[in-house]
Amino acid sequence: MKQILKMTLIAVMPLLLVSACRQGSESSPAASPPASPPVTNENVVETFSRIEEDWVEANVKADAAFQDSNLADDDIGTTEDGSIVKQGSVE
């Protein structure tokens, strides 16, 4: 019984600590303002639309430089037929 109580306390205490820290930071009146302007749905839609258009254009042109500058070095993708394509191998 004591062991179950100890294990429960060990599991619950970190959660309580994290919760208390969050509540303390949220109620702080001297909180710093956000570093960037608020994001609106219009900004998100425009940004994703532009990224998608750039991506499609780069794929049509087989632009390896675009992939090099926009994908992680270890990026791995799949094609419609299930083939695996590693970053930088534009065909």
C-alpha atoms as a PDB file:
ATOM      1  CA  MET A   1       0.000   0.000   0.000  1.00  0.00           C
ATOM      2  CA  LYS A   2       2.794   2.417   0.903  1.00  0.00           C
ATOM      3  CA  GLN A   3       4.568   1.645  -2.346  1.00  0.00           C
ATOM      4  CA  ILE A   4       1.451   2.449  -4.368  1.00  0.00           C
ATOM      5  CA  LEU A   5       1.125   5.750  -2.519  1.00  0.00           C
ATOM      6  CA  LYS A   6       4.780   6.587  -3.189  1.00  0.00           C
ATOM      7  CA  MET A   7       4.447   5.785  -6.896  1.00  0.00           C
ATOM      8  CA  THR A   8       1.278   7.855  -7.155  1.00  0.00           C
ATOM      9  CA  LEU A   9       2.978  10.822  -5.514  1.00  0.00           C
ATOM     10  CA  ILE A  10       6.001  10.452  -7.777  1.00  0.00           C
ATOM     11  CA  ALA A  11       3.732  10.465 -10.818  1.00  0.00           C
ATOM     12  CA  VAL A  12       1.467  13.322  -9.676  1.00  0.00           C
ATOM     13  CA  MET A  13       3.980  15.760  -8.187  1.00  0.00           C
ATOM     14  CA  PRO A  14       5.669  16.743 -11.489  1.00  0.00           C
ATOM     15  CA  LEU A  15       2.247  17.393 -13.009  1.00  0.00           C
ATOM     16  CA  LEU A  16       1.264  19.624 -10.110  1.00  0.00           C
ATOM     17  CA  LEU A  17       4.561  21.479 -10.331  1.00  0.00           C
ATOM     18  CA  VAL A  18       4.157  22.129 -14.062  1.00  0.00           C
ATOM     19  CA  SER A  19       0.583  23.258 -13.532  1.00  0.00           C
ATOM     20  CA  ALA A  20       1.614  25.670 -10.775  1.00  0.00           C
ATOM     21  CA  CYS A  21       4.397  27.123 -12.930  1.00  0.00           C
ATOM     22  CA  ARG A  22       2.009  27.707 -15.823  1.00  0.00           C
ATOM     23  CA  GLN A  23      -0.554  29.435 -13.627  1.00  0.00           C
ATOM     24  CA  GLY A  24       2.143  31.673 -12.196  1.00  0.00           C
ATOM     25  CA  SER A  25       3.398  32.737 -15.613  1.00  0.00           C
ATOM     26  CA  GLU A  26      -0.103  33.367 -16.999  1.00  0.00           C
ATOM     27  CA  SER A  27      -1.168  35.655 -14.172  1.00  0.00           C
ATOM     28  CA  SER A  28       2.011  37.740 -14.208  1.00  0.00           C
ATOM     29  CA  PRO A  29       1.048  41.386 -14.848  1.00  0.00           C
ATOM     30  CA  ALA A  30       4.531  42.228 -16.152  1.00  0.00           C
ATOM     31  CA  ALA A  31       4.452  39.652 -18.925  1.00  0.00           C
ATOM     32  CA  SER A  32       6.341  40.769 -22.017  1.00  0.00           C
ATOM     33  CA  PRO A  33       4.353  41.413 -25.204  1.00  0.00           C
ATOM     34  CA  PRO A  34       4.559  38.910 -28.048  1.00  0.00           C
ATOM     35  CA  ALA A  35       7.645  39.277 -30.232  1.00  0.00           C
ATOM     36  CA  SER A  36       5.688  39.207 -33.497  1.00  0.00           C
ATOM     37  CA  PRO A  37       2.310  40.610 -34.512  1.00  0.00           C
ATOM     38  CA  PRO A  38      -0.707  38.388 -33.954  1.00  0.00           C
ATOM     39  CA  VAL A  39      -1.373  35.839 -36.650  1.00  0.00           C
ATOM     40  CA  THR A  40      -4.712  36.066 -38.402  1.00  0.00           C
ATOM     41  CA  ASN A  41      -6.427  33.397 -40.452  1.00  0.00           C
ATOM     42  CA  GLU A  42      -5.921  35.501 -43.576  1.00  0.00           C
ATOM     43  CA  ASN A  43      -2.152  35.649 -42.994  1.00  0.00           C
ATOM     44  CA  VAL A  44      -1.977  31.892 -42.501  1.00  0.00           C
ATOM     45  CA  VAL A  45      -3.998  31.141 -45.629  1.00  0.00           C
ATOM     46  CA  GLU A  46      -1.937  33.568 -47.724  1.00  0.00           C
ATOM     47  CA  THR A  47       1.333  32.162 -46.406  1.00  0.00           C
ATOM     48  CA  PHE A  48       0.385  28.536 -47.001  1.00  0.00           C
ATOM     49  CA  SER A  49      -0.984  29.365 -50.457  1.00  0.00           C
ATOM     50  CA  ARG A  50       2.286  31.085 -51.399  1.00  0.00           C
ATOM     51  CA  ILE A  51       4.371  28.192 -50.055  1.00  0.00           C
ATOM     52  CA  GLU A  52       2.245  25.677 -51.955  1.00  0.00           C
ATOM     53  CA  GLU A  53       2.503  27.663 -55.193  1.00  0.00           C
ATOM     54  CA  ASP A  54       6.286  27.936 -54.799  1.00  0.00           C
ATOM     55  CA  TRP A  55       6.491  24.197 -54.080  1.00  0.00           C
ATOM     56  CA  VAL A  56       4.454  23.268 -57.164  1.00  0.00           C
ATOM     57  CA  GLU A  57       6.455  25.612 -59.388  1.00  0.00           C
ATOM     58  CA  ALA A  58       9.740  24.165 -58.098  1.00  0.00           C
ATOM     59  CA  ASN A  59       8.513  20.614 -58.722  1.00  0.00           C
ATOM     60  CA  VAL A  60       7.390  21.448 -62.267  1.00  0.00           C
ATOM     61  CA  LYS A  61      10.777  23.035 -63.004  1.00  0.00           C
ATOM     62  CA  ALA A  62      12.676  20.254 -61.176  1.00  0.00           C
ATOM     63  CA  ASP A  63      14.331  22.993 -59.105  1.00  0.00           C
ATOM     64  CA  ALA A  64      16.784  21.184 -56.827  1.00  0.00           C
ATOM     65  CA  ALA A  65      18.014  24.506 -55.376  1.00  0.00           C
ATOM     66  CA  PHE A  66      14.518  25.198 -54.007  1.00  0.00           C
ATOM     67  CA  GLN A  67      14.441  21.820 -52.289  1.00  0.00           C
ATOM     68  CA  ASP A  68      17.947  22.306 -50.917  1.00  0.00           C
ATOM     69  CA  SER A  69      16.962  25.609 -49.363  1.00  0.00           C
ATOM     70  CA  ASN A  70      13.529  24.536 -48.067  1.00  0.00           C
ATOM     71  CA  LEU A  71      13.852  20.907 -46.972  1.00  0.00           C
ATOM     72  CA  ALA A  72      15.806  19.367 -44.133  1.00  0.00           C
ATOM     73  CA  ASP A  73      18.952  17.479 -45.086  1.00  0.00           C
ATOM     74  CA  ASP A  74      17.354  14.205 -43.979  1.00  0.00           C
ATOM     75  CA  ASP A  75      13.948  14.798 -45.604  1.00  0.00           C
ATOM     76  CA  ILE A  76      12.383  11.701 -47.153  1.00  0.00           C
ATOM     77  CA  GLY A  77       9.224  11.825 -49.239  1.00  0.00           C
ATOM     78  CA  THR A  78       7.039   9.378 -51.096  1.00  0.00           C
ATOM     79  CA  THR A  79       5.583   9.616 -54.575  1.00  0.00           C
ATOM     80  CA  GLU A  80       2.124   8.611 -55.732  1.00  0.00           C
ATOM     81  CA  ASP A  81       3.371   5.119 -56.614  1.00  0.00           C
ATOM     82  CA  GLY A  82       4.993   4.663 -53.183  1.00  0.00           C
ATOM     83  CA  SER A  83       8.577   5.255 -54.283  1.00  0.00           C
ATOM     84  CA  ILE A  84      10.851   6.824 -51.686  1.00  0.00           C
ATOM     85  CA  VAL A  85      12.564  10.080 -52.623  1.00  0.00           C
ATOM     86  CA  LYS A  86      15.366  11.518 -50.517  1.00  0.00           C
ATOM     87  CA  GLN A  87      16.006  15.252 -50.262  1.00  0.00           C
ATOM     88  CA  GLY A  88      17.919  16.663 -53.235  1.00  0.00           C
ATOM     89  CA  SER A  89      17.093  13.868 -55.689  1.00  0.00           C
ATOM     90  CA  VAL A  90      14.795  15.702 -58.092  1.00  0.00           C
ATOM     91  CA  GLU A  91      14.076  13.720 -61.249  1.00  0.00           C
END
